[in-house]
Amino acid sequence: MKKFLLLLLFTFPLFQDFCNGQQLVYRAKNPAFGGETFNYQWMLSSAQAQDTTVDPAQQQKSQLGNTRNPLADFSESLNRQILSRLSRELVVRQFGEEELAEGTYQLGDYQIEIGNEGAGININIVDVQTGATTVVDVPFF
């Protein structure tokens, strides 16, 4: 046993050259912390796949999968169509032969005021429910 310990004690310094360590290098994987930018999409999809929290509004879905009121959807669709039609008429009349008639119009949830100024046509669109205002100025050419 003593011979083995002596042999081990003398041979240990010889093997010390073979037992080299290396520096530990930290490399971030997350692009937000300086990692590779190509990891972003993979990390985002991985995080979304692991996300188990559910929005309370999504939990109250009906069996058909919609939470909206069909009457509200119809009203919103109607408002979009009215504004789309107004924009088409505005372009046709502004660049065509006819002029857009001045006045105040109540269309769905919107109050539209059309005025003819010296520089062009001024249109104010006011959302009656929220009070939001949009102003469109179309100059004459």
N, C-alpha and C. Protein backbone atom coordinates (compact mmCIF):
# COMPACT_ATOMS: atom_id res chain seq x y z
N MET A 1 0.80 -1.17 0.00
CA MET A 1 0.00 0.00 0.00
C MET A 1 0.86 1.26 0.00
N LYS A 2 1.96 1.22 0.77
CA LYS A 2 2.85 2.37 0.82
C LYS A 2 3.50 2.60 -0.52
N LYS A 3 3.82 1.50 -1.21
CA LYS A 3 4.44 1.65 -2.52
C LYS A 3 3.47 2.33 -3.50
N PHE A 4 2.22 1.95 -3.39
CA PHE A 4 1.21 2.54 -4.27
C PHE A 4 1.04 4.02 -4.00
N LEU A 5 1.03 4.42 -2.76
CA LEU A 5 0.89 5.83 -2.41
C LEU A 5 2.12 6.63 -2.86
N LEU A 6 3.31 6.05 -2.67
CA LEU A 6 4.52 6.72 -3.13
C LEU A 6 4.53 6.86 -4.65
N LEU A 7 4.14 5.79 -5.32
CA LEU A 7 4.07 5.84 -6.78
C LEU A 7 3.06 6.89 -7.25
N LEU A 8 1.93 6.94 -6.59
CA LEU A 8 0.91 7.93 -6.92
C LEU A 8 1.41 9.34 -6.63
N LEU A 9 2.11 9.52 -5.54
CA LEU A 9 2.62 10.84 -5.16
C LEU A 9 3.67 11.33 -6.16
N PHE A 10 4.49 10.47 -6.69
CA PHE A 10 5.50 10.89 -7.65
C PHE A 10 4.97 11.00 -9.09
N THR A 11 3.97 10.22 -9.43
CA THR A 11 3.45 10.28 -10.79
C THR A 11 2.39 11.37 -10.98
N PHE A 12 1.82 11.84 -9.89
CA PHE A 12 0.79 12.89 -9.98
C PHE A 12 1.32 14.17 -10.63
N PRO A 13 2.50 14.68 -10.30
CA PRO A 13 2.99 15.89 -10.98
C PRO A 13 3.24 15.66 -12.48
N LEU A 14 3.53 14.43 -12.88
CA LEU A 14 3.75 14.16 -14.30
C LEU A 14 2.45 14.30 -15.11
N PHE A 15 1.32 13.91 -14.52
CA PHE A 15 0.02 14.01 -15.20
C PHE A 15 -0.61 15.39 -15.11
N GLN A 16 0.00 16.27 -14.36
CA GLN A 16 -0.57 17.59 -14.18
C GLN A 16 -0.60 18.38 -15.50
N ASP A 17 0.34 18.13 -16.40
CA ASP A 17 0.35 18.81 -17.69
C ASP A 17 -0.84 18.40 -18.56
N PHE A 18 -1.30 17.17 -18.39
CA PHE A 18 -2.43 16.69 -19.18
C PHE A 18 -3.78 17.17 -18.64
N CYS A 19 -3.81 17.65 -17.44
CA CYS A 19 -5.07 18.08 -16.79
C CYS A 19 -5.19 19.59 -16.82
N ASN A 20 -5.24 20.14 -18.00
CA ASN A 20 -5.39 21.59 -18.12
C ASN A 20 -6.87 21.96 -18.13
N GLY A 21 -7.18 23.05 -17.51
CA GLY A 21 -8.55 23.57 -17.52
C GLY A 21 -8.67 24.63 -18.61
N GLN A 22 -9.85 25.08 -18.83
CA GLN A 22 -10.05 26.14 -19.81
C GLN A 22 -10.95 27.21 -19.19
N GLN A 23 -10.96 28.36 -19.82
CA GLN A 23 -11.79 29.44 -19.32
C GLN A 23 -13.25 29.17 -19.66
N LEU A 24 -14.13 29.55 -18.77
CA LEU A 24 -15.55 29.45 -19.04
C LEU A 24 -15.98 30.72 -19.75
N VAL A 25 -16.64 30.55 -20.88
CA VAL A 25 -17.08 31.69 -21.67
C VAL A 25 -18.60 31.68 -21.71
N TYR A 26 -19.19 32.80 -21.31
CA TYR A 26 -20.65 32.92 -21.35
C TYR A 26 -21.07 33.51 -22.68
N ARG A 27 -21.97 32.83 -23.35
CA ARG A 27 -22.54 33.34 -24.59
C ARG A 27 -24.05 33.37 -24.42
N ALA A 28 -24.62 34.54 -24.54
CA ALA A 28 -26.06 34.69 -24.39
C ALA A 28 -26.77 34.11 -25.60
N LYS A 29 -27.89 33.47 -25.37
CA LYS A 29 -28.69 32.94 -26.47
C LYS A 29 -29.79 33.94 -26.84
N ASN A 30 -30.27 34.68 -25.86
CA ASN A 30 -31.36 35.62 -26.10
C ASN A 30 -30.82 36.87 -26.79
N PRO A 31 -31.40 37.28 -27.92
CA PRO A 31 -30.93 38.47 -28.62
C PRO A 31 -31.09 39.75 -27.80
N ALA A 32 -32.02 39.75 -26.85
CA ALA A 32 -32.21 40.94 -26.01
C ALA A 32 -31.01 41.15 -25.09
N PHE A 33 -30.25 40.11 -24.84
CA PHE A 33 -29.09 40.22 -23.97
C PHE A 33 -27.78 40.07 -24.74
N GLY A 34 -27.79 40.36 -26.01
CA GLY A 34 -26.57 40.34 -26.80
C GLY A 34 -26.31 39.03 -27.51
N GLY A 35 -27.27 38.16 -27.55
CA GLY A 35 -27.09 36.87 -28.23
C GLY A 35 -27.28 36.99 -29.73
N GLU A 36 -27.26 35.86 -30.37
CA GLU A 36 -27.39 35.80 -31.82
C GLU A 36 -28.78 36.28 -32.24
N THR A 37 -28.84 37.20 -33.20
CA THR A 37 -30.13 37.77 -33.61
C THR A 37 -31.00 36.77 -34.34
N PHE A 38 -30.43 35.73 -34.90
CA PHE A 38 -31.22 34.74 -35.61
C PHE A 38 -31.99 33.83 -34.66
N ASN A 39 -31.68 33.89 -33.37
CA ASN A 39 -32.41 33.09 -32.38
C ASN A 39 -33.74 33.71 -32.00
N TYR A 40 -33.99 34.94 -32.40
CA TYR A 40 -35.17 35.66 -31.94
C TYR A 40 -36.47 34.93 -32.29
N GLN A 41 -36.63 34.55 -33.54
CA GLN A 41 -37.88 33.92 -33.97
C GLN A 41 -38.11 32.60 -33.26
N TRP A 42 -37.06 31.82 -33.12
CA TRP A 42 -37.19 30.53 -32.45
C TRP A 42 -37.55 30.73 -30.99
N MET A 43 -36.92 31.69 -30.32
CA MET A 43 -37.20 31.92 -28.91
C MET A 43 -38.62 32.44 -28.71
N LEU A 44 -39.09 33.31 -29.61
CA LEU A 44 -40.43 33.84 -29.50
C LEU A 44 -41.47 32.73 -29.68
N SER A 45 -41.30 31.88 -30.69
CA SER A 45 -42.26 30.80 -30.91
C SER A 45 -42.22 29.79 -29.77
N SER A 46 -41.05 29.56 -29.21
CA SER A 46 -40.94 28.65 -28.08
C SER A 46 -41.65 29.21 -26.85
N ALA A 47 -41.50 30.50 -26.60
CA ALA A 47 -42.17 31.12 -25.46
C ALA A 47 -43.68 31.13 -25.64
N GLN A 48 -44.14 31.38 -26.85
CA GLN A 48 -45.58 31.39 -27.09
C GLN A 48 -46.17 29.98 -26.98
N ALA A 49 -45.41 28.97 -27.34
CA ALA A 49 -45.89 27.61 -27.23
C ALA A 49 -46.02 27.18 -25.77
N GLN A 50 -45.17 27.74 -24.90
CA GLN A 50 -45.19 27.38 -23.49
C GLN A 50 -46.15 28.23 -22.68
N ASP A 51 -46.69 29.28 -23.26
CA ASP A 51 -47.57 30.19 -22.56
C ASP A 51 -48.90 29.51 -22.28
N THR A 52 -49.23 29.35 -21.01
CA THR A 52 -50.47 28.67 -20.64
C THR A 52 -51.52 29.63 -20.09
N THR A 53 -51.20 30.90 -19.97
CA THR A 53 -52.18 31.85 -19.46
C THR A 53 -53.22 32.13 -20.53
N VAL A 54 -54.46 32.30 -20.11
CA VAL A 54 -55.56 32.52 -21.04
C VAL A 54 -56.23 33.84 -20.67
N ASP A 55 -56.50 34.63 -21.68
CA ASP A 55 -57.20 35.89 -21.49
C ASP A 55 -58.61 35.60 -21.00
N PRO A 56 -59.07 36.28 -19.93
CA PRO A 56 -60.43 36.02 -19.44
C PRO A 56 -61.49 36.26 -20.49
N ALA A 57 -61.28 37.21 -21.38
CA ALA A 57 -62.26 37.45 -22.43
C ALA A 57 -62.33 36.27 -23.39
N GLN A 58 -61.21 35.58 -23.58
CA GLN A 58 -61.19 34.42 -24.47
C GLN A 58 -61.87 33.22 -23.83
N GLN A 59 -61.91 33.16 -22.49
CA GLN A 59 -62.54 32.04 -21.82
C GLN A 59 -64.05 32.08 -21.95
N GLN A 60 -64.59 33.26 -22.19
CA GLN A 60 -66.03 33.41 -22.26
C GLN A 60 -66.57 33.24 -23.67
N LYS A 61 -65.81 32.67 -24.54
CA LYS A 61 -66.25 32.46 -25.92
C LYS A 61 -67.42 31.48 -25.96
N SER A 62 -68.27 31.70 -26.92
CA SER A 62 -69.36 30.76 -27.12
C SER A 62 -68.84 29.53 -27.87
N GLN A 63 -69.71 28.59 -28.11
CA GLN A 63 -69.29 27.39 -28.80
C GLN A 63 -68.92 27.67 -30.24
N LEU A 64 -69.48 28.72 -30.82
CA LEU A 64 -69.15 29.05 -32.20
C LEU A 64 -67.82 29.78 -32.31
N GLY A 65 -67.28 30.22 -31.18
CA GLY A 65 -65.97 30.85 -31.20
C GLY A 65 -65.98 32.35 -31.30
N ASN A 66 -67.15 32.98 -31.35
CA ASN A 66 -67.14 34.44 -31.41
C ASN A 66 -67.72 35.01 -30.12
N THR A 67 -67.16 36.11 -29.67
CA THR A 67 -67.62 36.76 -28.45
C THR A 67 -68.38 38.02 -28.78
N ARG A 68 -68.35 38.44 -30.01
CA ARG A 68 -68.96 39.71 -30.41
C ARG A 68 -70.44 39.53 -30.65
N ASN A 69 -71.11 40.63 -30.53
CA ASN A 69 -72.53 40.68 -30.78
C ASN A 69 -72.73 40.83 -32.29
N PRO A 70 -73.56 40.01 -32.92
CA PRO A 70 -73.76 40.13 -34.37
C PRO A 70 -74.32 41.50 -34.76
N LEU A 71 -75.12 42.10 -33.90
CA LEU A 71 -75.66 43.42 -34.19
C LEU A 71 -74.55 44.48 -34.20
N ALA A 72 -73.60 44.35 -33.27
CA ALA A 72 -72.46 45.27 -33.23
C ALA A 72 -71.58 45.08 -34.46
N ASP A 73 -71.41 43.82 -34.89
CA ASP A 73 -70.63 43.56 -36.10
C ASP A 73 -71.30 44.19 -37.33
N PHE A 74 -72.62 44.08 -37.40
CA PHE A 74 -73.35 44.66 -38.52
C PHE A 74 -73.19 46.18 -38.52
N SER A 75 -73.31 46.79 -37.37
CA SER A 75 -73.17 48.24 -37.26
C SER A 75 -71.78 48.69 -37.68
N GLU A 76 -70.76 47.98 -37.23
CA GLU A 76 -69.39 48.32 -37.59
C GLU A 76 -69.15 48.16 -39.09
N SER A 77 -69.69 47.09 -39.67
CA SER A 77 -69.55 46.87 -41.10
C SER A 77 -70.25 47.96 -41.90
N LEU A 78 -71.43 48.36 -41.44
CA LEU A 78 -72.17 49.42 -42.11
C LEU A 78 -71.41 50.75 -42.06
N ASN A 79 -70.82 51.05 -40.91
CA ASN A 79 -70.03 52.28 -40.78
C ASN A 79 -68.83 52.26 -41.72
N ARG A 80 -68.18 51.12 -41.84
CA ARG A 80 -67.03 51.01 -42.74
C ARG A 80 -67.45 51.23 -44.19
N GLN A 81 -68.57 50.65 -44.57
CA GLN A 81 -69.05 50.80 -45.94
C GLN A 81 -69.43 52.24 -46.24
N ILE A 82 -70.03 52.93 -45.28
CA ILE A 82 -70.42 54.33 -45.48
C ILE A 82 -69.17 55.19 -45.67
N LEU A 83 -68.17 54.99 -44.82
CA LEU A 83 -66.94 55.78 -44.95
C LEU A 83 -66.20 55.45 -46.24
N SER A 84 -66.24 54.20 -46.65
CA SER A 84 -65.59 53.82 -47.91
C SER A 84 -66.30 54.47 -49.09
N ARG A 85 -67.61 54.46 -49.06
CA ARG A 85 -68.38 55.08 -50.13
C ARG A 85 -68.13 56.58 -50.18
N LEU A 86 -68.05 57.21 -49.00
CA LEU A 86 -67.78 58.64 -48.93
C LEU A 86 -66.41 58.97 -49.52
N SER A 87 -65.41 58.15 -49.21
CA SER A 87 -64.08 58.41 -49.76
C SER A 87 -64.06 58.26 -51.28
N ARG A 88 -64.78 57.26 -51.82
CA ARG A 88 -64.85 57.11 -53.26
C ARG A 88 -65.54 58.29 -53.91
N GLU A 89 -66.66 58.72 -53.34
CA GLU A 89 -67.39 59.87 -53.88
C GLU A 89 -66.55 61.13 -53.81
N LEU A 90 -65.79 61.27 -52.75
CA LEU A 90 -64.93 62.44 -52.59
C LEU A 90 -63.91 62.51 -53.71
N VAL A 91 -63.27 61.40 -54.00
CA VAL A 91 -62.26 61.38 -55.06
C VAL A 91 -62.91 61.61 -56.42
N VAL A 92 -64.04 60.96 -56.69
CA VAL A 92 -64.70 61.11 -57.99
C VAL A 92 -65.16 62.54 -58.20
N ARG A 93 -65.77 63.14 -57.21
CA ARG A 93 -66.30 64.49 -57.37
C ARG A 93 -65.19 65.54 -57.36
N GLN A 94 -64.15 65.29 -56.61
CA GLN A 94 -63.07 66.27 -56.54
C GLN A 94 -62.32 66.33 -57.87
N PHE A 95 -62.11 65.21 -58.48
CA PHE A 95 -61.33 65.17 -59.72
C PHE A 95 -62.22 65.03 -60.96
N GLY A 96 -63.53 64.98 -60.74
CA GLY A 96 -64.46 64.89 -61.86
C GLY A 96 -65.10 66.24 -62.13
N GLU A 97 -66.30 66.20 -62.72
CA GLU A 97 -67.00 67.42 -63.11
C GLU A 97 -67.83 68.01 -61.96
N GLU A 98 -68.43 67.17 -61.14
CA GLU A 98 -69.32 67.64 -60.09
C GLU A 98 -68.53 68.03 -58.84
N GLU A 99 -69.16 68.84 -57.99
CA GLU A 99 -68.56 69.19 -56.71
C GLU A 99 -69.30 68.46 -55.61
N LEU A 100 -68.64 68.29 -54.48
CA LEU A 100 -69.25 67.67 -53.32
C LEU A 100 -70.14 68.70 -52.64
N ALA A 101 -71.38 68.35 -52.33
CA ALA A 101 -72.34 69.29 -51.75
C ALA A 101 -71.96 69.61 -50.31
N GLU A 102 -71.97 70.90 -49.99
CA GLU A 102 -71.66 71.32 -48.62
C GLU A 102 -72.82 71.00 -47.70
N GLY A 103 -72.49 70.81 -46.40
CA GLY A 103 -73.53 70.57 -45.42
C GLY A 103 -73.06 69.64 -44.33
N THR A 104 -73.97 69.29 -43.46
CA THR A 104 -73.70 68.38 -42.35
C THR A 104 -74.57 67.15 -42.53
N TYR A 105 -73.97 65.98 -42.44
CA TYR A 105 -74.66 64.72 -42.64
C TYR A 105 -74.47 63.83 -41.43
N GLN A 106 -75.51 63.11 -41.04
CA GLN A 106 -75.45 62.14 -39.95
C GLN A 106 -75.54 60.76 -40.57
N LEU A 107 -74.43 60.01 -40.55
CA LEU A 107 -74.38 58.68 -41.16
C LEU A 107 -73.95 57.68 -40.10
N GLY A 108 -74.87 56.88 -39.61
CA GLY A 108 -74.53 55.88 -38.60
C GLY A 108 -74.02 56.55 -37.34
N ASP A 109 -72.84 56.19 -36.93
CA ASP A 109 -72.21 56.75 -35.74
C ASP A 109 -71.37 57.98 -36.06
N TYR A 110 -71.43 58.47 -37.28
CA TYR A 110 -70.56 59.56 -37.68
C TYR A 110 -71.37 60.79 -38.12
N GLN A 111 -70.85 61.95 -37.75
CA GLN A 111 -71.39 63.21 -38.23
C GLN A 111 -70.33 63.79 -39.16
N ILE A 112 -70.73 64.04 -40.41
CA ILE A 112 -69.78 64.49 -41.42
C ILE A 112 -70.15 65.90 -41.85
N GLU A 113 -69.17 66.80 -41.70
CA GLU A 113 -69.37 68.20 -42.10
C GLU A 113 -68.49 68.47 -43.31
N ILE A 114 -69.11 68.89 -44.40
CA ILE A 114 -68.38 69.17 -45.63
C ILE A 114 -68.46 70.66 -45.90
N GLY A 115 -67.30 71.29 -46.04
CA GLY A 115 -67.24 72.72 -46.31
C GLY A 115 -66.32 72.99 -47.48
N ASN A 116 -66.63 74.01 -48.24
CA ASN A 116 -65.83 74.37 -49.40
C ASN A 116 -65.06 75.64 -49.06
N GLU A 117 -63.78 75.53 -48.90
CA GLU A 117 -62.95 76.69 -48.61
C GLU A 117 -62.26 77.14 -49.89
N GLY A 118 -61.57 78.25 -49.83
CA GLY A 118 -60.91 78.78 -51.02
C GLY A 118 -59.81 77.88 -51.55
N ALA A 119 -59.14 77.14 -50.67
CA ALA A 119 -58.03 76.31 -51.10
C ALA A 119 -58.46 74.90 -51.48
N GLY A 120 -59.66 74.50 -51.06
CA GLY A 120 -60.09 73.15 -51.37
C GLY A 120 -61.30 72.76 -50.55
N ILE A 121 -61.53 71.48 -50.44
CA ILE A 121 -62.66 70.96 -49.68
C ILE A 121 -62.17 70.54 -48.30
N ASN A 122 -62.94 70.91 -47.27
CA ASN A 122 -62.61 70.57 -45.90
C ASN A 122 -63.70 69.64 -45.39
N ILE A 123 -63.31 68.45 -44.90
CA ILE A 123 -64.26 67.46 -44.40
C ILE A 123 -63.89 67.13 -42.96
N ASN A 124 -64.84 67.31 -42.05
CA ASN A 124 -64.66 66.95 -40.64
C ASN A 124 -65.54 65.74 -40.37
N ILE A 125 -64.93 64.66 -39.88
CA ILE A 125 -65.67 63.45 -39.54
C ILE A 125 -65.58 63.29 -38.03
N VAL A 126 -66.74 63.29 -37.36
CA VAL A 126 -66.79 63.19 -35.91
C VAL A 126 -67.50 61.89 -35.54
N ASP A 127 -66.83 61.07 -34.73
CA ASP A 127 -67.45 59.85 -34.21
C ASP A 127 -68.32 60.27 -33.03
N VAL A 128 -69.62 60.09 -33.12
CA VAL A 128 -70.56 60.57 -32.11
C VAL A 128 -70.38 59.84 -30.80
N GLN A 129 -70.06 58.57 -30.84
CA GLN A 129 -69.95 57.77 -29.62
C GLN A 129 -68.70 58.14 -28.82
N THR A 130 -67.56 58.29 -29.48
CA THR A 130 -66.31 58.54 -28.75
C THR A 130 -65.90 60.00 -28.77
N GLY A 131 -66.40 60.77 -29.70
CA GLY A 131 -66.00 62.17 -29.82
C GLY A 131 -64.72 62.37 -30.61
N ALA A 132 -64.19 61.32 -31.19
CA ALA A 132 -62.96 61.43 -31.98
C ALA A 132 -63.26 62.18 -33.28
N THR A 133 -62.32 63.03 -33.69
CA THR A 133 -62.50 63.86 -34.87
C THR A 133 -61.39 63.60 -35.87
N THR A 134 -61.78 63.50 -37.14
CA THR A 134 -60.82 63.37 -38.23
C THR A 134 -61.08 64.50 -39.22
N VAL A 135 -60.02 65.18 -39.61
CA VAL A 135 -60.14 66.29 -40.54
C VAL A 135 -59.42 65.92 -41.84
N VAL A 136 -60.13 66.06 -42.97
CA VAL A 136 -59.56 65.77 -44.28
C VAL A 136 -59.63 67.04 -45.11
N ASP A 137 -58.47 67.52 -45.57
CA ASP A 137 -58.39 68.69 -46.45
C ASP A 137 -57.93 68.23 -47.82
N VAL A 138 -58.76 68.47 -48.84
CA VAL A 138 -58.41 68.09 -50.20
C VAL A 138 -58.26 69.38 -51.00
N PRO A 139 -57.04 69.69 -51.47
CA PRO A 139 -56.85 70.94 -52.20
C PRO A 139 -57.37 70.84 -53.63
N PHE A 140 -57.69 72.02 -54.19
CA PHE A 140 -58.09 72.09 -55.61
C PHE A 140 -56.85 72.04 -56.47
N PHE A 141 -56.97 71.49 -57.68
CA PHE A 141 -55.84 71.46 -58.61
C PHE A 141 -56.14 72.35 -59.77
